[in-house]
Protein backbone atom coordinates (compact mmCIF):
# COMPACT_ATOMS: atom_id res chain seq x y z
CA UNK A 1 113.22 145.76 131.40
CA UNK A 2 114.63 142.96 129.24
CA UNK A 3 114.10 140.56 132.14
CA UNK A 4 110.38 141.41 132.21
CA UNK A 5 110.16 140.98 128.45
CA UNK A 6 111.94 137.60 128.66
CA UNK A 7 109.55 136.44 131.40
CA UNK A 8 106.55 137.61 129.38
CA UNK A 9 107.79 135.72 126.30
CA UNK A 10 108.42 132.61 128.39
CA UNK A 11 104.92 132.79 129.89
CA UNK A 12 103.41 133.19 126.40
CA UNK A 13 105.42 130.24 125.08
CA UNK A 14 104.31 128.04 127.98
CA UNK A 15 100.70 129.10 127.44
CA UNK A 16 100.84 128.34 123.72
CA UNK A 17 102.54 124.99 124.32
CA UNK A 18 99.55 123.92 126.39
CA UNK A 19 97.02 125.14 123.85
CA UNK A 20 95.21 122.10 122.44
CA UNK A 21 94.49 123.90 119.16
CA UNK A 22 98.21 124.01 118.41
CA UNK A 23 99.02 120.45 119.45
CA UNK A 24 99.01 117.63 116.92
CA UNK A 25 97.68 114.22 117.76
CA UNK A 26 100.43 111.65 118.36
CA UNK A 27 103.55 113.81 118.06
CA UNK A 28 105.85 110.83 118.64
CA UNK A 29 108.26 109.44 116.06
CA UNK A 30 105.93 106.53 115.27
CA UNK A 31 103.15 108.96 114.34
CA UNK A 32 105.50 110.97 112.13
CA UNK A 33 106.66 107.80 110.36
CA UNK A 34 103.06 106.62 109.89
CA UNK A 35 102.10 109.97 108.39
CA UNK A 36 104.77 109.49 105.72
CA UNK A 37 103.29 106.16 104.60
CA UNK A 38 100.74 105.99 101.77
CA UNK A 39 97.21 106.26 103.06
CA UNK A 40 98.31 107.77 106.38
CA UNK A 41 96.02 110.53 107.67
CA UNK A 42 97.82 113.81 108.21
CA UNK A 43 95.24 116.58 108.23
CA UNK A 44 92.08 116.66 110.29
CA UNK A 45 89.14 118.76 109.17
CA UNK A 46 86.03 118.81 111.33
CA UNK A 47 86.26 115.24 112.60
CA UNK A 48 87.73 113.87 109.35
CA UNK A 49 91.25 113.04 108.32
CA UNK A 50 92.70 113.78 104.90
CA UNK A 51 95.24 111.32 103.52
CA UNK A 52 98.71 112.56 102.66
CA UNK A 53 98.79 113.14 98.90
CA UNK A 54 101.76 110.84 98.32
CA UNK A 55 102.87 109.74 94.83
CA UNK A 56 100.82 106.54 95.25
CA UNK A 57 97.68 108.51 96.18
CA UNK A 58 98.25 110.91 93.26
CA UNK A 59 98.58 107.89 90.94
CA UNK A 60 95.29 106.56 92.31
CA UNK A 61 93.71 109.97 91.74
CA UNK A 62 94.52 109.52 88.04
CA UNK A 63 92.83 106.08 88.04
CA UNK A 64 89.79 107.56 89.77
CA UNK A 65 89.62 110.41 87.24
CA UNK A 66 89.89 107.95 84.33
CA UNK A 67 87.06 105.90 85.86
CA UNK A 68 84.87 109.00 86.15
CA UNK A 69 85.67 109.93 82.53
CA UNK A 70 84.67 106.42 81.39
CA UNK A 71 81.48 106.58 83.45
CA UNK A 72 80.41 109.96 82.01
CA UNK A 73 81.95 110.22 78.51
CA UNK A 74 79.27 112.67 77.26
CA UNK A 75 79.81 114.97 80.25
CA UNK A 76 83.54 115.48 79.59
CA UNK A 77 84.41 118.86 78.12
CA UNK A 78 86.40 118.11 74.96
CA UNK A 79 89.54 120.12 74.22
CA UNK A 80 90.90 123.04 76.17
CA UNK A 81 88.56 124.48 78.76
CA UNK A 82 87.46 128.16 78.40
CA UNK A 83 89.56 130.79 80.19
CA UNK A 84 86.75 131.54 82.64
CA UNK A 85 85.14 128.32 83.78
CA UNK A 86 81.78 128.58 85.47
CA UNK A 87 82.91 126.85 88.66
CA UNK A 88 86.03 125.41 90.23
CA UNK A 89 85.34 122.85 92.95
CA UNK A 90 87.94 121.00 95.02
CA UNK A 91 86.67 117.61 96.17
CA UNK A 92 87.94 115.27 98.86
CA UNK A 93 86.75 111.78 97.99
CA UNK A 94 86.86 109.08 100.66
CA UNK A 95 87.25 105.54 99.31
CA UNK A 96 87.44 102.30 101.25
CA UNK A 97 89.86 99.43 100.61
CA UNK A 98 87.65 98.12 97.77
CA UNK A 99 87.23 101.46 95.98
CA UNK A 100 83.72 102.13 97.26
CA UNK A 101 83.11 105.85 97.74
CA UNK A 102 82.29 106.40 101.40
CA UNK A 103 82.14 110.18 101.38
CA UNK A 104 82.53 113.29 99.27
CA UNK A 105 83.54 116.57 100.90
CA UNK A 106 84.59 119.93 99.54
CA UNK A 107 87.52 122.17 100.42
CA UNK A 108 86.60 124.80 97.82
CA UNK A 109 83.14 125.61 96.52
CA UNK A 110 81.95 128.50 94.35
CA UNK A 111 79.64 130.93 96.14
CA UNK A 112 78.11 132.01 92.80
CA UNK A 113 77.27 128.43 91.79
CA UNK A 114 75.93 126.62 94.87
CA UNK A 115 74.15 124.08 92.66
CA UNK A 116 77.41 122.60 91.33
CA UNK A 117 78.94 120.85 94.41
CA UNK A 118 75.85 118.67 95.06
CA UNK A 119 75.82 117.65 91.38
CA UNK A 120 79.51 116.71 91.59
CA UNK A 121 78.94 114.72 94.79
CA UNK A 122 76.14 112.82 93.05
CA UNK A 123 78.33 112.07 90.01
CA UNK A 124 81.13 110.73 92.22
CA UNK A 125 78.79 108.60 94.32
CA UNK A 126 77.04 107.22 91.24
CA UNK A 127 80.43 106.27 89.73
CA UNK A 128 81.20 104.14 92.80
CA UNK A 129 82.97 101.83 93.13
CA UNK A 130 86.13 103.43 91.83
CA UNK A 131 89.11 101.20 90.97
CA UNK A 132 90.46 99.07 93.80
CA UNK A 133 93.18 101.09 95.58
CA UNK A 134 95.31 98.01 96.25
CA UNK A 135 98.08 98.51 98.83
CA UNK A 136 97.04 102.10 99.53
CA UNK A 137 93.82 100.84 101.09
CA UNK A 138 91.08 103.17 102.19
CA UNK A 139 92.04 106.81 101.86
CA UNK A 140 90.97 110.29 100.81
CA UNK A 141 92.17 111.81 97.59
CA UNK A 142 91.79 115.37 96.39
CA UNK A 143 90.89 116.53 92.88
CA UNK A 144 89.72 119.74 91.27
CA UNK A 145 86.65 119.85 89.05
CA UNK A 146 86.56 122.48 86.30
CA UNK A 147 82.85 122.92 85.56
CA UNK A 148 81.49 124.55 82.42
CA UNK A 149 78.08 126.27 82.26
CA UNK A 150 76.95 123.48 79.93
CA UNK A 151 77.29 120.96 82.77
CA UNK A 152 80.34 119.41 81.15
CA UNK A 153 83.54 119.22 83.13
CA UNK A 154 87.19 118.28 83.21
CA UNK A 155 89.13 117.06 86.18
CA UNK A 156 92.39 118.84 86.88
CA UNK A 157 94.15 115.48 86.94
CA UNK A 158 93.26 114.87 83.27
CA UNK A 159 92.68 118.41 81.99
CA UNK A 160 93.68 119.31 78.46
CA UNK A 161 94.53 122.81 79.62
CA UNK A 162 92.85 126.12 79.23
CA UNK A 163 92.31 128.34 76.19
CA UNK A 164 93.80 131.80 76.34
CA UNK A 165 90.58 133.30 74.87
């Protein structure tokens, strides 16, 4: 009986090993080393690659957030954000080697506020170009938008926190 179970497990393992959904592109050591470098793509989502959120990319995210704050000073929610924000939206912003925004995608959108993500995409695109990313080059960075009913917002990168009431 254990022999049959062992053969069944082996067959399942062989089947899963061949499954293209479980295989990663370029599993070699060079691909693993490249993925550790700033700006290296590590996650693919529907034909796109998301850049590893390395310390350098997180530092750039702060520069991008500061640029957006400077571009829209009247839209920034001053002080601590209310405990229940109207919408929380996670953006994935693609920038090229000069800082030009080449795409805005979403990994989290609010179902109760479908009007908010397109407004955020428009704000990001209109703020283009963002600061030059320097050595990082073209990449995708992730940030979270905390959107108030008033249309004002804070970015998680620069948030002043949240009120308890």
